[in-house]
Protein backbone atom coordinates (compact mmCIF):
# COMPACT_ATOMS: atom_id res chain seq x y z
CA MET A 1 -7.45 -25.57 37.81
CA LEU A 2 -10.23 -25.17 35.70
CA ASP A 3 -12.25 -22.65 38.08
CA GLU A 4 -9.19 -20.53 39.00
CA LEU A 5 -8.92 -20.23 34.90
CA GLN A 6 -12.63 -19.30 34.18
CA ASN A 7 -12.22 -16.43 36.92
CA PHE A 8 -9.32 -14.87 35.19
CA ILE A 9 -11.24 -15.61 32.04
CA ASN A 10 -14.26 -13.89 33.63
CA ASP A 11 -12.16 -10.83 34.52
CA PHE A 12 -11.07 -11.13 31.14
CA LYS A 13 -14.37 -10.78 29.67
CA GLU A 14 -15.60 -7.67 32.48
CA SER A 15 -12.70 -5.86 31.43
CA LEU A 16 -13.84 -5.87 27.60
CA GLU A 17 -17.04 -5.05 28.58
CA GLY A 18 -16.87 -2.75 31.26
CA HIS A 19 -14.12 -0.75 28.75
CA THR A 20 -11.18 -1.10 31.28
CA PHE A 21 -9.27 -3.86 29.19
CA VAL A 22 -5.63 -2.36 28.43
CA LYS A 23 -4.03 -5.44 26.91
CA MET A 24 -2.65 -8.35 27.73
CA ILE A 25 0.79 -10.55 27.34
CA LEU A 26 0.41 -14.61 27.33
CA SER A 27 4.23 -16.38 27.83
CA LYS A 28 6.30 -19.06 28.98
CA PRO A 29 5.62 -21.92 26.81
CA TYR A 30 4.77 -25.18 28.73
CA GLU A 31 7.28 -26.84 26.46
CA LYS A 32 10.81 -25.20 25.79
CA SER A 33 10.64 -26.47 21.88
CA TYR A 34 7.48 -24.75 21.40
CA ASP A 35 7.66 -22.16 18.42
CA ILE A 36 6.13 -19.21 20.13
CA LYS A 37 7.84 -17.37 22.40
CA LYS A 38 5.15 -14.84 23.08
CA ILE A 39 1.69 -13.71 22.45
CA THR A 40 0.28 -9.53 23.49
CA VAL A 41 -2.65 -9.05 22.74
CA ASN A 42 -4.04 -5.25 21.70
CA MET A 43 -7.27 -3.39 21.16
CA VAL A 44 -7.43 -2.92 17.81
CA GLU A 45 -10.48 -0.58 15.66
CA ILE A 46 -11.26 -2.07 12.04
CA ARG A 47 -13.65 -0.49 10.26
CA SER A 48 -15.23 1.27 13.17
CA SER A 49 -15.48 -1.95 14.97
CA ARG A 50 -13.38 -2.97 17.83
CA MET A 51 -11.35 -6.37 18.09
CA LEU A 52 -8.42 -7.94 19.53
CA SER A 53 -5.24 -7.86 18.04
CA PHE A 54 -3.07 -11.15 18.56
CA LEU A 55 0.34 -10.34 18.32
CA PHE A 56 2.34 -13.95 18.31
CA THR A 57 6.18 -13.66 18.69
CA TYR A 58 8.16 -16.64 16.92
CA LYS A 59 11.85 -16.82 16.83
CA THR A 60 11.91 -15.50 13.57
CA LYS A 61 9.26 -13.76 12.95
CA ASP A 62 6.01 -12.13 14.25
CA VAL A 63 2.35 -12.66 13.18
CA THR A 64 -1.00 -10.53 13.82
CA LYS A 65 -4.37 -12.26 13.97
CA ASN A 66 -7.22 -10.77 14.88
CA TYR A 67 -10.53 -11.91 16.65
CA THR A 68 -13.83 -10.80 17.76
CA PHE A 69 -13.94 -10.30 21.77
CA ASP A 70 -16.10 -13.39 22.21
CA ASP A 71 -13.43 -15.53 19.69
CA GLY A 72 -10.68 -14.20 21.79
CA LEU A 73 -11.96 -15.05 25.09
CA VAL A 74 -11.78 -18.82 23.50
CA GLU A 75 -8.55 -18.23 22.07
CA VAL A 76 -6.86 -17.00 25.65
CA GLU A 77 -8.61 -19.86 27.38
CA LYS A 78 -7.18 -22.50 25.25
CA LEU A 79 -3.48 -21.10 24.78
CA LEU A 80 -3.80 -21.73 29.08
CA ASN A 81 -4.85 -24.53 28.92
CA GLU A 82 -2.64 -26.45 26.02
CA SER A 83 0.28 -23.53 25.53
CA MET A 84 1.10 -21.04 28.07
CA LYS A 85 1.69 -20.99 31.85
CA ASN A 86 1.93 -17.08 32.31
CA CYS A 87 -0.93 -14.90 31.72
CA ALA A 88 -0.40 -10.49 32.52
CA LEU A 89 -3.88 -8.61 32.75
CA PHE A 90 -3.63 -5.35 32.48
CA THR A 91 -6.81 -3.03 33.04
CA THR A 92 -7.26 0.88 34.41
CA GLU A 93 -8.22 -0.67 37.74
CA SER A 94 -5.29 -3.28 38.63
CA THR A 95 -3.14 -5.77 37.51
CA ILE A 96 -3.67 -9.62 37.63
CA ASP A 97 -1.03 -12.02 37.07
CA LEU A 98 -1.83 -15.87 36.38
CA ASN A 99 0.61 -18.55 36.48
CA ILE A 100 0.31 -22.15 36.20
CA SER A 101 2.57 -24.86 37.94
CA LYS A 102 4.08 -27.81 36.38
CA LYS A 103 1.43 -29.66 38.29
CA LYS A 104 -1.23 -26.93 36.58
CA LYS A 105 -1.85 -25.54 39.69
CA VAL A 106 -3.30 -21.61 38.91
CA LEU A 107 -1.89 -19.27 41.02
CA ILE A 108 -3.71 -15.41 40.61
CA SER A 109 -2.08 -12.52 42.05
CA ARG A 110 -3.50 -8.62 41.56
CA SER A 111 -1.56 -5.47 42.38
CA LYS A 112 -2.65 -1.55 41.94
CA PRO A 113 -2.83 -0.86 37.82
CA ILE A 114 0.00 0.04 35.81
CA TYR A 115 -1.97 1.72 33.43
CA LYS A 116 -4.56 4.13 35.08
CA SER A 117 -5.82 4.96 31.49
CA LEU A 118 -6.95 3.55 28.32
CA ILE A 119 -4.79 2.91 25.53
CA GLU A 120 -6.13 4.31 22.34
CA PRO A 121 -6.87 1.63 19.92
CA GLU A 122 -3.91 0.73 18.00
CA ILE A 123 -5.66 1.58 14.42
CA ASN A 124 -6.28 4.47 15.87
CA ARG A 125 -2.59 5.56 16.31
CA MET A 126 -1.63 4.58 13.19
CA LYS A 127 -2.33 5.55 9.81
CA LYS A 128 -5.56 3.35 8.90
CA ARG A 129 -5.10 1.45 6.12
CA ASN A 130 -7.46 1.62 3.01
CA ILE A 131 -7.21 -2.08 2.03
CA THR A 132 -7.22 -4.68 4.51
CA ILE A 133 -6.16 -8.18 4.65
CA GLU A 134 -9.13 -9.23 6.62
CA ASN A 135 -11.64 -11.56 3.92
CA ASN A 136 -9.63 -9.82 1.18
CA VAL A 137 -10.02 -12.36 -1.63
CA TYR A 138 -7.95 -11.04 -4.16
CA LEU A 139 -5.13 -10.38 -1.44
CA HIS A 140 -5.29 -14.17 -0.99
CA LYS A 141 -5.29 -14.88 -4.49
CA LEU A 142 -2.55 -12.63 -5.89
CA GLY A 143 -0.24 -14.72 -2.67
CA VAL A 144 -0.16 -11.65 -0.32
CA ALA A 145 -2.39 -12.99 2.35
CA THR A 146 -2.86 -16.45 3.37
CA SER A 147 -6.90 -17.28 3.46
CA LYS A 148 -7.03 -17.27 7.05
CA ASN A 149 -6.00 -13.13 7.02
CA ILE A 150 -2.39 -13.58 7.68
CA LEU A 151 -0.29 -11.29 5.57
CA ILE A 152 2.49 -13.34 4.31
CA LYS A 153 5.91 -12.47 5.94
CA ASN A 154 7.63 -11.93 2.42
CA MET A 155 4.58 -9.64 1.08
CA GLN A 156 5.02 -7.33 3.64
CA GLY A 157 6.62 -4.59 1.54
CA LYS A 158 3.93 -5.08 -1.66
CA PHE A 159 1.09 -4.70 1.12
CA LYS A 160 3.15 -1.60 2.34
CA GLN A 161 2.98 -0.41 -1.06
CA ILE A 162 -0.39 -1.42 -2.29
CA ASN A 163 -1.64 1.44 0.62
CA ARG A 164 0.77 3.73 -0.03
CA PHE A 165 -0.47 3.85 -3.47
CA VAL A 166 -3.99 3.74 -2.69
CA GLU A 167 -3.34 6.35 -0.59
CA THR A 168 -1.51 8.80 -3.19
CA ILE A 169 -4.46 8.03 -6.07
CA ASP A 170 -6.66 9.12 -2.93
CA GLY A 171 -5.07 12.76 -2.31
CA LEU A 172 -4.69 13.18 -6.41
CA ILE A 173 -8.43 12.27 -6.71
CA LYS A 174 -9.62 15.19 -3.53
CA SER A 175 -7.36 17.60 -5.79
CA SER A 176 -8.94 17.27 -8.95
CA VAL A 177 -12.32 17.91 -10.57
CA LEU A 178 -13.24 14.05 -10.35
CA LYS A 179 -13.76 15.08 -6.38
CA ASP A 180 -17.29 15.72 -6.98
CA THR A 181 -18.07 13.09 -9.34
CA ARG A 182 -19.37 9.60 -8.57
CA ASN A 183 -18.32 8.49 -11.88
CA ILE A 184 -14.33 7.22 -12.58
CA THR A 185 -12.97 5.83 -15.60
CA VAL A 186 -9.56 4.29 -15.08
CA ALA A 187 -6.73 2.18 -17.14
CA ASP A 188 -3.55 1.24 -15.63
CA MET A 189 -1.35 0.75 -18.62
CA GLY A 190 1.07 -2.10 -18.10
CA SER A 191 -0.90 -3.40 -15.27
CA GLY A 192 0.98 -6.89 -14.19
CA LYS A 193 -0.45 -9.28 -11.75
CA GLY A 194 -2.60 -6.84 -10.93
CA TYR A 195 -2.02 -6.03 -7.30
CA LEU A 196 -2.21 -2.37 -7.50
CA THR A 197 -5.05 -2.84 -10.16
CA PHE A 198 -7.70 -4.60 -7.62
CA ALA A 199 -6.82 -2.22 -4.99
CA VAL A 200 -7.53 1.32 -6.77
CA TYR A 201 -10.80 -0.34 -7.86
CA ASP A 202 -11.69 -2.05 -4.00
CA HIS A 203 -11.00 1.73 -2.64
CA LEU A 204 -12.93 3.80 -5.41
CA VAL A 205 -15.73 1.28 -5.06
CA ASN A 206 -15.93 -0.06 -1.35
CA ASN A 207 -14.55 2.70 0.53
CA LEU A 208 -15.75 6.23 -1.81
CA LYS A 209 -18.55 4.33 -2.92
CA ILE A 210 -17.82 5.24 -6.62
CA THR A 211 -19.30 3.63 -9.74
CA ALA A 212 -16.23 2.51 -11.21
CA GLU A 213 -14.87 1.28 -14.75
CA VAL A 214 -11.10 0.40 -14.48
CA THR A 215 -9.71 -1.41 -16.77
CA GLY A 216 -5.77 -3.83 -17.08
CA VAL A 217 -3.70 -3.41 -19.80
CA GLU A 218 -1.43 -6.03 -20.15
CA LEU A 219 0.59 -7.90 -22.55
CA ARG A 220 0.80 -11.30 -21.00
CA GLN A 221 -2.27 -13.41 -21.73
CA GLY A 222 -1.72 -15.64 -18.68
CA LEU A 223 -1.57 -12.38 -16.28
CA ILE A 224 -5.07 -11.61 -18.28
CA ASP A 225 -6.79 -14.15 -17.74
CA THR A 226 -5.72 -15.09 -13.99
CA CYS A 227 -7.11 -11.33 -12.81
CA ASN A 228 -9.79 -11.98 -14.68
CA VAL A 229 -10.93 -14.89 -12.99
CA ILE A 230 -9.92 -12.87 -9.99
CA ALA A 231 -11.89 -10.19 -10.35
CA ASN A 232 -15.18 -12.10 -11.27
CA GLU A 233 -14.66 -14.03 -8.09
CA CYS A 234 -14.62 -11.02 -6.18
CA GLY A 235 -17.58 -9.90 -7.84
CA PHE A 236 -15.76 -6.29 -9.65
CA ALA A 237 -18.01 -5.94 -12.14
CA GLY A 238 -16.67 -2.82 -12.96
CA LEU A 239 -13.08 -4.35 -13.27
CA LYS A 240 -11.73 -5.97 -16.71
CA PHE A 241 -7.95 -7.21 -17.75
CA VAL A 242 -7.89 -7.23 -21.55
CA GLN A 243 -4.84 -7.42 -24.06
CA GLY A 244 -2.46 -4.66 -25.12
CA THR A 245 0.20 -2.16 -25.27
CA ILE A 246 0.29 1.41 -24.65
CA ASN A 247 0.27 2.30 -27.97
CA ASP A 248 -2.32 0.15 -29.48
CA TYR A 249 -5.01 0.15 -26.87
CA THR A 250 -7.13 2.00 -28.38
CA GLY A 251 -10.45 1.12 -25.25
CA GLN A 252 -12.34 4.45 -24.08
CA ALA A 253 -10.16 7.62 -22.98
CA SER A 254 -9.81 7.71 -19.29
CA GLN A 255 -10.30 10.16 -16.71
CA MET A 256 -7.24 8.43 -14.45
CA LEU A 257 -4.44 6.96 -16.27
CA ILE A 258 -2.15 5.21 -14.45
CA ALA A 259 1.42 3.35 -15.34
CA LEU A 260 3.65 2.08 -13.10
CA HIS A 261 7.17 0.66 -14.37
CA ALA A 262 6.81 1.23 -17.85
CA CYS A 263 10.35 0.81 -18.78
CA ASP A 264 12.46 3.34 -20.51
CA THR A 265 9.98 5.39 -23.38
CA ALA A 266 7.09 3.82 -22.22
CA THR A 267 6.55 6.19 -19.80
CA ASP A 268 6.28 8.78 -21.95
CA ASP A 269 4.18 6.99 -23.78
CA ALA A 270 1.94 6.53 -21.28
CA ILE A 271 1.69 10.72 -20.61
CA PHE A 272 1.53 11.04 -24.19
CA LYS A 273 -1.87 8.98 -24.37
CA GLY A 274 -2.76 10.41 -20.79
CA ILE A 275 -2.05 14.41 -22.15
CA THR A 276 -3.89 13.97 -25.73
CA THR A 277 -6.86 12.22 -24.40
CA GLY A 278 -7.78 14.53 -21.64
CA SER A 279 -6.86 12.45 -18.80
CA GLU A 280 -7.77 14.44 -15.48
CA ILE A 281 -5.03 12.65 -13.58
CA ILE A 282 -1.99 10.87 -14.86
CA VAL A 283 0.33 8.77 -12.46
CA VAL A 284 3.64 7.16 -13.80
CA SER A 285 6.25 5.54 -11.78
CA PRO A 286 9.20 5.59 -14.57
CA CYS A 287 11.56 2.52 -15.06
CA CYS A 288 14.86 2.97 -16.93
CA HIS A 289 16.23 5.61 -18.28
CA LYS A 290 18.14 4.55 -21.28
CA GLN A 291 16.82 7.35 -24.59
CA VAL A 292 17.81 10.26 -22.62
CA ARG A 293 20.88 8.66 -21.51
CA LYS A 294 22.25 7.86 -24.57
CA GLU A 295 21.48 11.89 -25.73
CA LEU A 296 23.82 13.15 -22.60
CA ASN A 297 26.07 15.39 -24.36
CA ILE A 298 27.43 17.37 -21.33
CA THR A 299 30.44 19.70 -22.49
CA ASN A 300 30.10 21.76 -19.86
CA GLU A 301 31.44 20.90 -15.70
CA LEU A 302 28.66 18.80 -14.76
CA LYS A 303 30.56 16.42 -17.47
CA GLU A 304 32.68 15.06 -14.34
CA ILE A 305 29.88 13.35 -13.01
CA THR A 306 29.56 11.20 -16.30
CA GLN A 307 33.19 9.96 -15.85
CA HIS A 308 31.42 7.32 -13.57
CA GLY A 309 28.33 5.05 -14.72
CA ILE A 310 26.38 5.12 -11.57
CA LEU A 311 26.05 8.65 -11.11
CA GLU A 312 25.86 9.24 -15.10
CA GLU A 313 22.36 6.51 -14.93
CA ARG A 314 21.14 8.47 -11.87
CA MET A 315 21.81 11.91 -13.80
CA ALA A 316 19.86 10.70 -16.52
CA GLU A 317 16.81 9.54 -13.86
CA MET A 318 16.97 12.86 -12.90
CA VAL A 319 16.94 14.49 -16.39
CA THR A 320 14.33 13.02 -17.77
CA ASP A 321 11.66 12.77 -15.23
CA THR A 322 12.40 16.93 -14.96
CA MET A 323 11.99 17.21 -18.37
CA ARG A 324 8.42 14.97 -18.07
CA GLY A 325 7.27 17.11 -15.46
CA LEU A 326 8.04 20.56 -17.28
CA MET A 327 6.25 18.74 -20.41
CA LEU A 328 3.41 17.78 -18.34
CA GLU A 329 3.30 21.10 -16.59
CA ALA A 330 3.20 23.40 -20.16
CA TYR A 331 0.44 21.10 -21.33
CA GLY A 332 -1.87 22.10 -17.91
CA TYR A 333 -1.17 19.90 -15.33
CA LYS A 334 0.26 20.53 -11.78
CA THR A 335 2.77 18.36 -11.23
CA LYS A 336 4.88 16.45 -8.38
CA ILE A 337 7.68 14.43 -8.17
CA PHE A 338 8.27 12.43 -5.45
CA GLU A 339 9.18 8.82 -3.34
CA TYR A 340 6.09 7.45 -2.62
CA ILE A 341 7.10 4.60 -0.92
CA SER A 342 10.53 3.89 0.89
CA ASP A 343 13.48 2.24 -0.78
CA GLU A 344 13.22 -0.95 1.35
CA HIS A 345 10.58 -2.12 0.01
CA THR A 346 11.28 -1.17 -3.97
CA HIS A 347 14.13 0.66 -5.74
CA LYS A 348 11.25 1.59 -8.22
CA ASN A 349 9.74 4.21 -6.13
CA LEU A 350 9.59 7.23 -8.00
CA MET A 351 6.67 8.68 -8.97
CA ILE A 352 5.18 11.68 -10.79
CA SER A 353 1.49 12.95 -10.37
CA ALA A 354 0.19 15.32 -12.57
CA VAL A 355 -3.54 16.53 -12.19
CA LYS A 356 -5.64 18.26 -14.67
CA THR A 357 -5.85 22.33 -13.75
CA SER A 358 -7.77 25.17 -14.71
CA ASN A 359 -5.27 27.50 -13.86
CA LYS A 360 -3.47 29.95 -17.02
CA ILE A 361 -0.02 28.07 -17.94
CA ASP A 362 2.63 30.31 -19.42
CA LYS A 363 3.16 27.32 -22.46
CA ASP A 364 5.89 28.85 -24.35
CA GLY A 365 7.98 29.67 -20.77
CA ILE A 366 7.67 26.58 -19.56
CA LEU A 367 9.06 25.08 -22.76
CA ASN A 368 11.55 27.49 -22.81
CA ARG A 369 12.97 26.00 -19.59
CA LEU A 370 12.95 22.39 -21.33
CA ILE A 371 14.94 23.82 -23.73
CA ALA A 372 17.55 25.34 -21.65
CA LEU A 373 17.63 21.76 -19.59
CA LYS A 374 18.18 19.73 -22.92
CA LYS A 375 21.09 22.67 -23.90
CA THR A 376 22.87 22.23 -20.16
CA PHE A 377 23.41 18.67 -20.51
CA GLY A 378 23.65 18.71 -24.24
CA ILE A 379 20.16 16.56 -25.52
CA GLU A 380 19.43 16.58 -29.58
CA LYS A 381 16.08 14.40 -28.70
CA PHE A 382 13.31 13.76 -25.76
CA TYR A 383 11.16 11.47 -26.98
CA LEU A 384 8.29 12.73 -24.54
CA GLU A 385 8.23 16.17 -26.52
CA GLU A 386 8.97 14.63 -29.81
CA LEU A 387 5.76 12.74 -29.46
CA MET A 388 4.25 15.95 -28.38
CA LYS A 389 4.62 17.60 -31.92
CA ASN A 390 3.51 15.00 -33.79
C-alpha cells in the first residue's frame, strides 16, 4: 500500500508543481460513523499566494481549511491512510482514481482528463475579501473565528457583514477628498463589541497603508476594557475605545463618523455631530424610528396605510430616513440610502452614507422639499431639523 499511495501523492505533487492541478475529491470513509462525508480540494489565492482549500463536508455543516502546498500534501496522505478510501485527482493531463480495498490494497486507474484547462483559483472567481480569518487575532478574540482559522458557523453572517461594511467604507473613501490623504481620523459612535471598528482600522492601516486614528465610543465600560485589551494584543496602536455617548463625546473632530444601529434620535445626534464638526464622510445605519412615528398625522389618502401597525412602522422608517437624507444633502453631502447587506444576515440592514461635496448646493430648495414632505405626513417636528436650527 505504501508504495502505491506514495506514487499517487507524487502525482499530486507533480500536478501542483507543473501547474496542471484542477481539483481533488476524497470520499468513502473507512468507518460509516466517520463524521466527514467528503472532502473537496481546490486551488485558492490568498493575498497573492496560491494555496489549497479543503472543504470538509459534514452531515450538518461545511468547514473550510486552507493549507500551503506542502501541508496539503501531508494532509491528503494522512486522510488516505486514516480516513478516506477513495480519491479522484483531476489534472489537465489526466484523471487519476485511487481506491483502497478493505484489505488496504491500493488500486489506481488513469483515464483521459475531464478538465482540459485550469479552473481559475476560487478567490479570483469570488469577490476578494478585505478582511480574512487567517491569523486574524481580533476575529478570534471576538468569537468570529477559531484560533485555527476556522469561521464559527453561527458567525458567518457577521463575517459577511464585516466585509460588506469595509467594502462600503473603501468605496466611500475613494469617492471623497480622503482618497488623496495618508492620514485619516475615524469616530465610531456606539461601537459595541467592536467588530466593525477593528475591521475598519485593519483595512485602513494594513490594506490601504494609511495612518489612522480610530476611536470607538461606547457607553459600557466592560466592552471598552475588552476591546482595548484586544487592540493592544493586535498591535493596533492607533485604535482606542473610550467611554461616552454621541452627545457627550468631546474628542477630536473626525474626518469619518460612523454610527451603526443608534436607536431612534441617536442617529440624528450622530448626523448632527458629523455635519457640525465637518466630517468628510458620515455613515449611519438607523435603528428604530419612534420620534417620527409619533409625529405622523396623515389626513390624506395615505392614512389607509397607518391603519396597520406594521405598515405604519415601515412608513415611519422610510419617511424618517428620507428626511435625514434631505438634511444631509442640504448641508453639502452627496447622500445614498441603500440596503448594505441581505436581511438574512441582519434586519438592521439599511445604511445612509454621505460624502461631503464641493458642488453648489440649493439649500433652500432642498429644505423646501423637506417641508413639503413633512406636510404630506402631518409632521410638526423633525428632531434632526430642530438640532440644525439651534
